[in-house]
Amino acid sequence: VCGWEGVRCAYNYTSEMVHVTEIRLSNKGLTGTIPEEIGFLPYMNKLDLSDNEVGGTIPKELYGLHRLRHLFLNNNKIQGTISPQIDDLHGAEQIYLGQNQLTGTLPSSIGTKRPNNWRFFSVYNNQLTGPIHEGMRLRKAYTLDFSRNE
């Protein structure tokens, strides 16, 4: 796996194991869905599947990747709602979910359990509805893009 194009790994000297730390497969013509087995990659730091034809929903297992710092799922065909579990990615710095087919409202719980490190958060050009909740604590954010929704 570690020799595959777009996959980066690191050796953990404590566990004496190799772990996948990055998957960078933007603009590769990928189709299908993000498998729930993504949760088996707890050392994942960066997931970039942007600019593909990935569909389905965001699996809840993705929100359990607590080392994830950079999430790029923009410009795909991802559907469904944004789970309140997105707040579990409190260590993330960049979350790009724009240009998909996401529906529903933004979870009002974002940032309420604990402050997060999100610097960039984009849900640009989806079909989201409803207000941006006052209780969202995104103090470290430089860019918040909620534009081109309903």
C-alpha atoms as a PDB file:
ATOM      1  CA  VAL A   1       0.000   0.000   0.000  1.00  0.00           C
ATOM      2  CA  CYS A   2       2.744   2.450   0.951  1.00  0.00           C
ATOM      3  CA  GLY A   3       4.259   2.201  -2.527  1.00  0.00           C
ATOM      4  CA  TRP A   4       1.029   3.178  -4.267  1.00  0.00           C
ATOM      5  CA  GLU A   5       0.784   6.542  -5.976  1.00  0.00           C
ATOM      6  CA  GLY A   6      -0.884   9.076  -3.698  1.00  0.00           C
ATOM      7  CA  VAL A   7      -0.400   7.072  -0.489  1.00  0.00           C
ATOM      8  CA  ARG A   8       2.104   8.139   2.126  1.00  0.00           C
ATOM      9  CA  CYS A   9       3.115   6.132   5.167  1.00  0.00           C
ATOM     10  CA  ALA A  10       5.235   6.596   8.261  1.00  0.00           C
ATOM     11  CA  TYR A  11       7.049   4.129  10.471  1.00  0.00           C
ATOM     12  CA  ASN A  12       6.056   4.162  14.130  1.00  0.00           C
ATOM     13  CA  TYR A  13       9.090   3.180  16.192  1.00  0.00           C
ATOM     14  CA  THR A  14       7.015   2.517  19.310  1.00  0.00           C
ATOM     15  CA  SER A  15       4.689  -0.002  17.695  1.00  0.00           C
ATOM     16  CA  GLU A  16       7.225  -1.020  15.034  1.00  0.00           C
ATOM     17  CA  MET A  17       4.494  -0.716  12.432  1.00  0.00           C
ATOM     18  CA  VAL A  18       3.995   1.270   9.261  1.00  0.00           C
ATOM     19  CA  HIS A  19       0.870   3.436   9.186  1.00  0.00           C
ATOM     20  CA  VAL A  20      -0.893   5.204   6.340  1.00  0.00           C
ATOM     21  CA  THR A  21      -0.693   8.926   7.086  1.00  0.00           C
ATOM     22  CA  GLU A  22      -1.873  10.487   3.813  1.00  0.00           C
ATOM     23  CA  ILE A  23      -4.079   9.603   0.897  1.00  0.00           C
ATOM     24  CA  ARG A  24      -3.789  12.207  -1.863  1.00  0.00           C
ATOM     25  CA  LEU A  25      -5.855  11.171  -4.863  1.00  0.00           C
ATOM     26  CA  SER A  26      -7.335  14.411  -6.178  1.00  0.00           C
ATOM     27  CA  ASN A  27      -8.438  14.628  -9.792  1.00  0.00           C
ATOM     28  CA  LYS A  28      -7.927  10.914 -10.528  1.00  0.00           C
ATOM     29  CA  GLY A  29     -11.379  10.127 -11.930  1.00  0.00           C
ATOM     30  CA  LEU A  30     -12.326   8.108  -8.854  1.00  0.00           C
ATOM     31  CA  THR A  31     -15.890   6.845  -8.536  1.00  0.00           C
ATOM     32  CA  GLY A  32     -17.690   4.842  -5.864  1.00  0.00           C
ATOM     33  CA  THR A  33     -18.007   5.732  -2.202  1.00  0.00           C
ATOM     34  CA  ILE A  34     -15.738   6.281   0.781  1.00  0.00           C
ATOM     35  CA  PRO A  35     -15.696   2.917   2.568  1.00  0.00           C
ATOM     36  CA  GLU A  36     -16.370   2.659   6.297  1.00  0.00           C
ATOM     37  CA  GLU A  37     -12.998   0.900   6.529  1.00  0.00           C
ATOM     38  CA  ILE A  38     -11.436   4.364   6.324  1.00  0.00           C
ATOM     39  CA  GLY A  39     -11.760   4.176  10.103  1.00  0.00           C
ATOM     40  CA  PHE A  40      -9.029   1.503  10.133  1.00  0.00           C
ATOM     41  CA  LEU A  41      -6.472   4.233   9.345  1.00  0.00           C
ATOM     42  CA  PRO A  42      -6.179   6.004  12.717  1.00  0.00           C
ATOM     43  CA  TYR A  43      -2.873   7.690  11.830  1.00  0.00           C
ATOM     44  CA  MET A  44      -4.354   9.440   8.793  1.00  0.00           C
ATOM     45  CA  ASN A  45      -3.278  13.070   8.716  1.00  0.00           C
ATOM     46  CA  LYS A  46      -4.488  14.077   5.254  1.00  0.00           C
ATOM     47  CA  LEU A  47      -7.295  12.749   3.071  1.00  0.00           C
ATOM     48  CA  ASP A  48      -7.618  14.409  -0.331  1.00  0.00           C
ATOM     49  CA  LEU A  49     -10.203  12.932  -2.661  1.00  0.00           C
ATOM     50  CA  SER A  50     -11.157  16.278  -4.218  1.00  0.00           C
ATOM     51  CA  ASP A  51     -12.111  16.774  -7.850  1.00  0.00           C
ATOM     52  CA  ASN A  52     -13.380  13.253  -8.490  1.00  0.00           C
ATOM     53  CA  GLU A  53     -16.770  11.553  -8.900  1.00  0.00           C
ATOM     54  CA  VAL A  54     -16.980  10.127  -5.370  1.00  0.00           C
ATOM     55  CA  GLY A  55     -20.589   9.690  -4.239  1.00  0.00           C
ATOM     56  CA  GLY A  56     -22.509   8.251  -1.338  1.00  0.00           C
ATOM     57  CA  THR A  57     -22.394   9.737   2.127  1.00  0.00           C
ATOM     58  CA  ILE A  58     -19.538  10.609   4.460  1.00  0.00           C
ATOM     59  CA  PRO A  59     -19.085   7.483   6.599  1.00  0.00           C
ATOM     60  CA  LYS A  60     -19.306   8.044  10.340  1.00  0.00           C
ATOM     61  CA  GLU A  61     -15.984   6.218  10.738  1.00  0.00           C
ATOM     62  CA  LEU A  62     -14.220   9.137   9.071  1.00  0.00           C
ATOM     63  CA  TYR A  63     -15.147  11.340  12.032  1.00  0.00           C
ATOM     64  CA  GLY A  64     -13.183   8.996  14.311  1.00  0.00           C
ATOM     65  CA  LEU A  65      -9.876   9.884  12.617  1.00  0.00           C
ATOM     66  CA  HIS A  66      -8.673  12.153  15.408  1.00  0.00           C
ATOM     67  CA  ARG A  67      -5.255  12.776  13.826  1.00  0.00           C
ATOM     68  CA  LEU A  68      -6.849  14.060  10.617  1.00  0.00           C
ATOM     69  CA  ARG A  69      -5.706  17.632   9.958  1.00  0.00           C
ATOM     70  CA  HIS A  70      -6.601  18.108   6.289  1.00  0.00           C
ATOM     71  CA  LEU A  71      -9.848  16.843   4.747  1.00  0.00           C
ATOM     72  CA  PHE A  72     -10.517  17.610   1.094  1.00  0.00           C
ATOM     73  CA  LEU A  73     -13.714  16.076  -0.258  1.00  0.00           C
ATOM     74  CA  ASN A  74     -14.707  19.062  -2.380  1.00  0.00           C
ATOM     75  CA  ASN A  75     -15.978  18.820  -5.952  1.00  0.00           C
ATOM     76  CA  ASN A  76     -17.468  15.334  -5.819  1.00  0.00           C
ATOM     77  CA  LYS A  77     -20.986  13.905  -5.705  1.00  0.00           C
ATOM     78  CA  ILE A  78     -21.236  13.300  -1.963  1.00  0.00           C
ATOM     79  CA  GLN A  79     -24.798  13.330  -0.657  1.00  0.00           C
ATOM     80  CA  GLY A  80     -26.598  13.274   2.647  1.00  0.00           C
ATOM     81  CA  THR A  81     -26.271  15.520   5.641  1.00  0.00           C
ATOM     82  CA  ILE A  82     -23.283  16.744   7.614  1.00  0.00           C
ATOM     83  CA  SER A  83     -23.263  14.703  10.796  1.00  0.00           C
ATOM     84  CA  PRO A  84     -22.902  16.385  14.205  1.00  0.00           C
ATOM     85  CA  GLN A  85     -19.936  14.004  14.566  1.00  0.00           C
ATOM     86  CA  ILE A  86     -17.963  16.372  12.333  1.00  0.00           C
ATOM     87  CA  ASP A  87     -17.240  18.176  15.595  1.00  0.00           C
ATOM     88  CA  ASP A  88     -15.121  15.166  16.594  1.00  0.00           C
ATOM     89  CA  LEU A  89     -12.567  16.388  14.029  1.00  0.00           C
ATOM     90  CA  HIS A  90     -11.660  19.195  16.436  1.00  0.00           C
ATOM     91  CA  GLY A  91      -7.941  18.843  15.615  1.00  0.00           C
ATOM     92  CA  ALA A  92      -8.505  19.387  11.890  1.00  0.00           C
ATOM     93  CA  GLU A  93      -7.221  22.588  10.337  1.00  0.00           C
ATOM     94  CA  GLN A  94      -8.793  22.373   6.883  1.00  0.00           C
ATOM     95  CA  ILE A  95     -12.176  20.881   6.002  1.00  0.00           C
ATOM     96  CA  TYR A  96     -13.375  21.321   2.451  1.00  0.00           C
ATOM     97  CA  LEU A  97     -16.770  19.842   1.613  1.00  0.00           C
ATOM     98  CA  GLY A  98     -17.806  22.330  -1.074  1.00  0.00           C
ATOM     99  CA  GLN A  99     -19.303  21.537  -4.469  1.00  0.00           C
ATOM    100  CA  ASN A 100     -21.101  18.363  -3.490  1.00  0.00           C
ATOM    101  CA  GLN A 101     -24.762  17.505  -3.027  1.00  0.00           C
ATOM    102  CA  LEU A 102     -24.967  17.826   0.752  1.00  0.00           C
ATOM    103  CA  THR A 103     -28.384  18.684   2.185  1.00  0.00           C
ATOM    104  CA  GLY A 104     -29.919  19.591   5.524  1.00  0.00           C
ATOM    105  CA  THR A 105     -28.579  22.110   7.987  1.00  0.00           C
ATOM    106  CA  LEU A 106     -25.165  22.669   9.485  1.00  0.00           C
ATOM    107  CA  PRO A 107     -25.014  20.929  12.852  1.00  0.00           C
ATOM    108  CA  SER A 108     -25.612  23.437  15.622  1.00  0.00           C
ATOM    109  CA  SER A 109     -23.141  21.514  17.784  1.00  0.00           C
ATOM    110  CA  ILE A 110     -20.032  22.530  15.824  1.00  0.00           C
ATOM    111  CA  GLY A 111     -17.514  23.789  18.338  1.00  0.00           C
ATOM    112  CA  THR A 112     -19.830  23.450  21.327  1.00  0.00           C
ATOM    113  CA  LYS A 113     -18.221  20.371  22.921  1.00  0.00           C
ATOM    114  CA  ARG A 114     -14.777  21.895  22.701  1.00  0.00           C
ATOM    115  CA  PRO A 115     -13.169  24.646  20.672  1.00  0.00           C
ATOM    116  CA  ASN A 116     -11.722  23.338  17.452  1.00  0.00           C
ATOM    117  CA  ASN A 117      -8.659  24.190  15.372  1.00  0.00           C
ATOM    118  CA  TRP A 118     -10.482  24.643  12.081  1.00  0.00           C
ATOM    119  CA  ARG A 119      -8.706  27.310  10.031  1.00  0.00           C
ATOM    120  CA  PHE A 120     -10.602  26.732   6.788  1.00  0.00           C
ATOM    121  CA  PHE A 121     -14.112  25.330   6.603  1.00  0.00           C
ATOM    122  CA  SER A 122     -15.976  25.299   3.312  1.00  0.00           C
ATOM    123  CA  VAL A 123     -19.369  23.891   2.420  1.00  0.00           C
ATOM    124  CA  TYR A 124     -19.610  26.129  -0.649  1.00  0.00           C
ATOM    125  CA  ASN A 125     -22.130  25.242  -3.370  1.00  0.00           C
ATOM    126  CA  ASN A 126     -24.185  22.476  -1.775  1.00  0.00           C
ATOM    127  CA  GLN A 127     -27.910  22.378  -1.010  1.00  0.00           C
ATOM    128  CA  LEU A 128     -27.655  23.228   2.677  1.00  0.00           C
ATOM    129  CA  THR A 129     -30.481  25.168   4.291  1.00  0.00           C
ATOM    130  CA  GLY A 130     -31.113  26.986   7.525  1.00  0.00           C
ATOM    131  CA  PRO A 131     -29.154  29.417   9.653  1.00  0.00           C
ATOM    132  CA  ILE A 132     -25.530  29.543  10.669  1.00  0.00           C
ATOM    133  CA  HIS A 133     -25.858  28.916  14.383  1.00  0.00           C
ATOM    134  CA  GLU A 134     -24.610  31.552  16.810  1.00  0.00           C
ATOM    135  CA  GLY A 135     -23.204  28.924  19.155  1.00  0.00           C
ATOM    136  CA  MET A 136     -20.661  27.651  16.631  1.00  0.00           C
ATOM    137  CA  ARG A 137     -17.209  28.284  18.095  1.00  0.00           C
ATOM    138  CA  LEU A 138     -14.800  28.665  15.209  1.00  0.00           C
ATOM    139  CA  ARG A 139     -12.421  31.155  16.814  1.00  0.00           C
ATOM    140  CA  LYS A 140      -9.314  30.093  14.919  1.00  0.00           C
ATOM    141  CA  ALA A 141     -10.963  30.175  11.501  1.00  0.00           C
ATOM    142  CA  TYR A 142      -9.487  32.334   8.758  1.00  0.00           C
ATOM    143  CA  THR A 143     -11.929  31.313   6.058  1.00  0.00           C
ATOM    144  CA  LEU A 144     -15.508  30.148   6.446  1.00  0.00           C
ATOM    145  CA  ASP A 145     -17.348  29.635   3.173  1.00  0.00           C
ATOM    146  CA  PHE A 146     -21.049  28.895   3.410  1.00  0.00           C
ATOM    147  CA  SER A 147     -21.904  30.596   0.102  1.00  0.00           C
ATOM    148  CA  ARG A 148     -24.047  29.263  -2.721  1.00  0.00           C
ATOM    149  CA  ASN A 149     -26.369  27.219  -0.554  1.00  0.00           C
ATOM    150  CA  GLU A 150     -30.105  27.603  -0.120  1.00  0.00           C
END
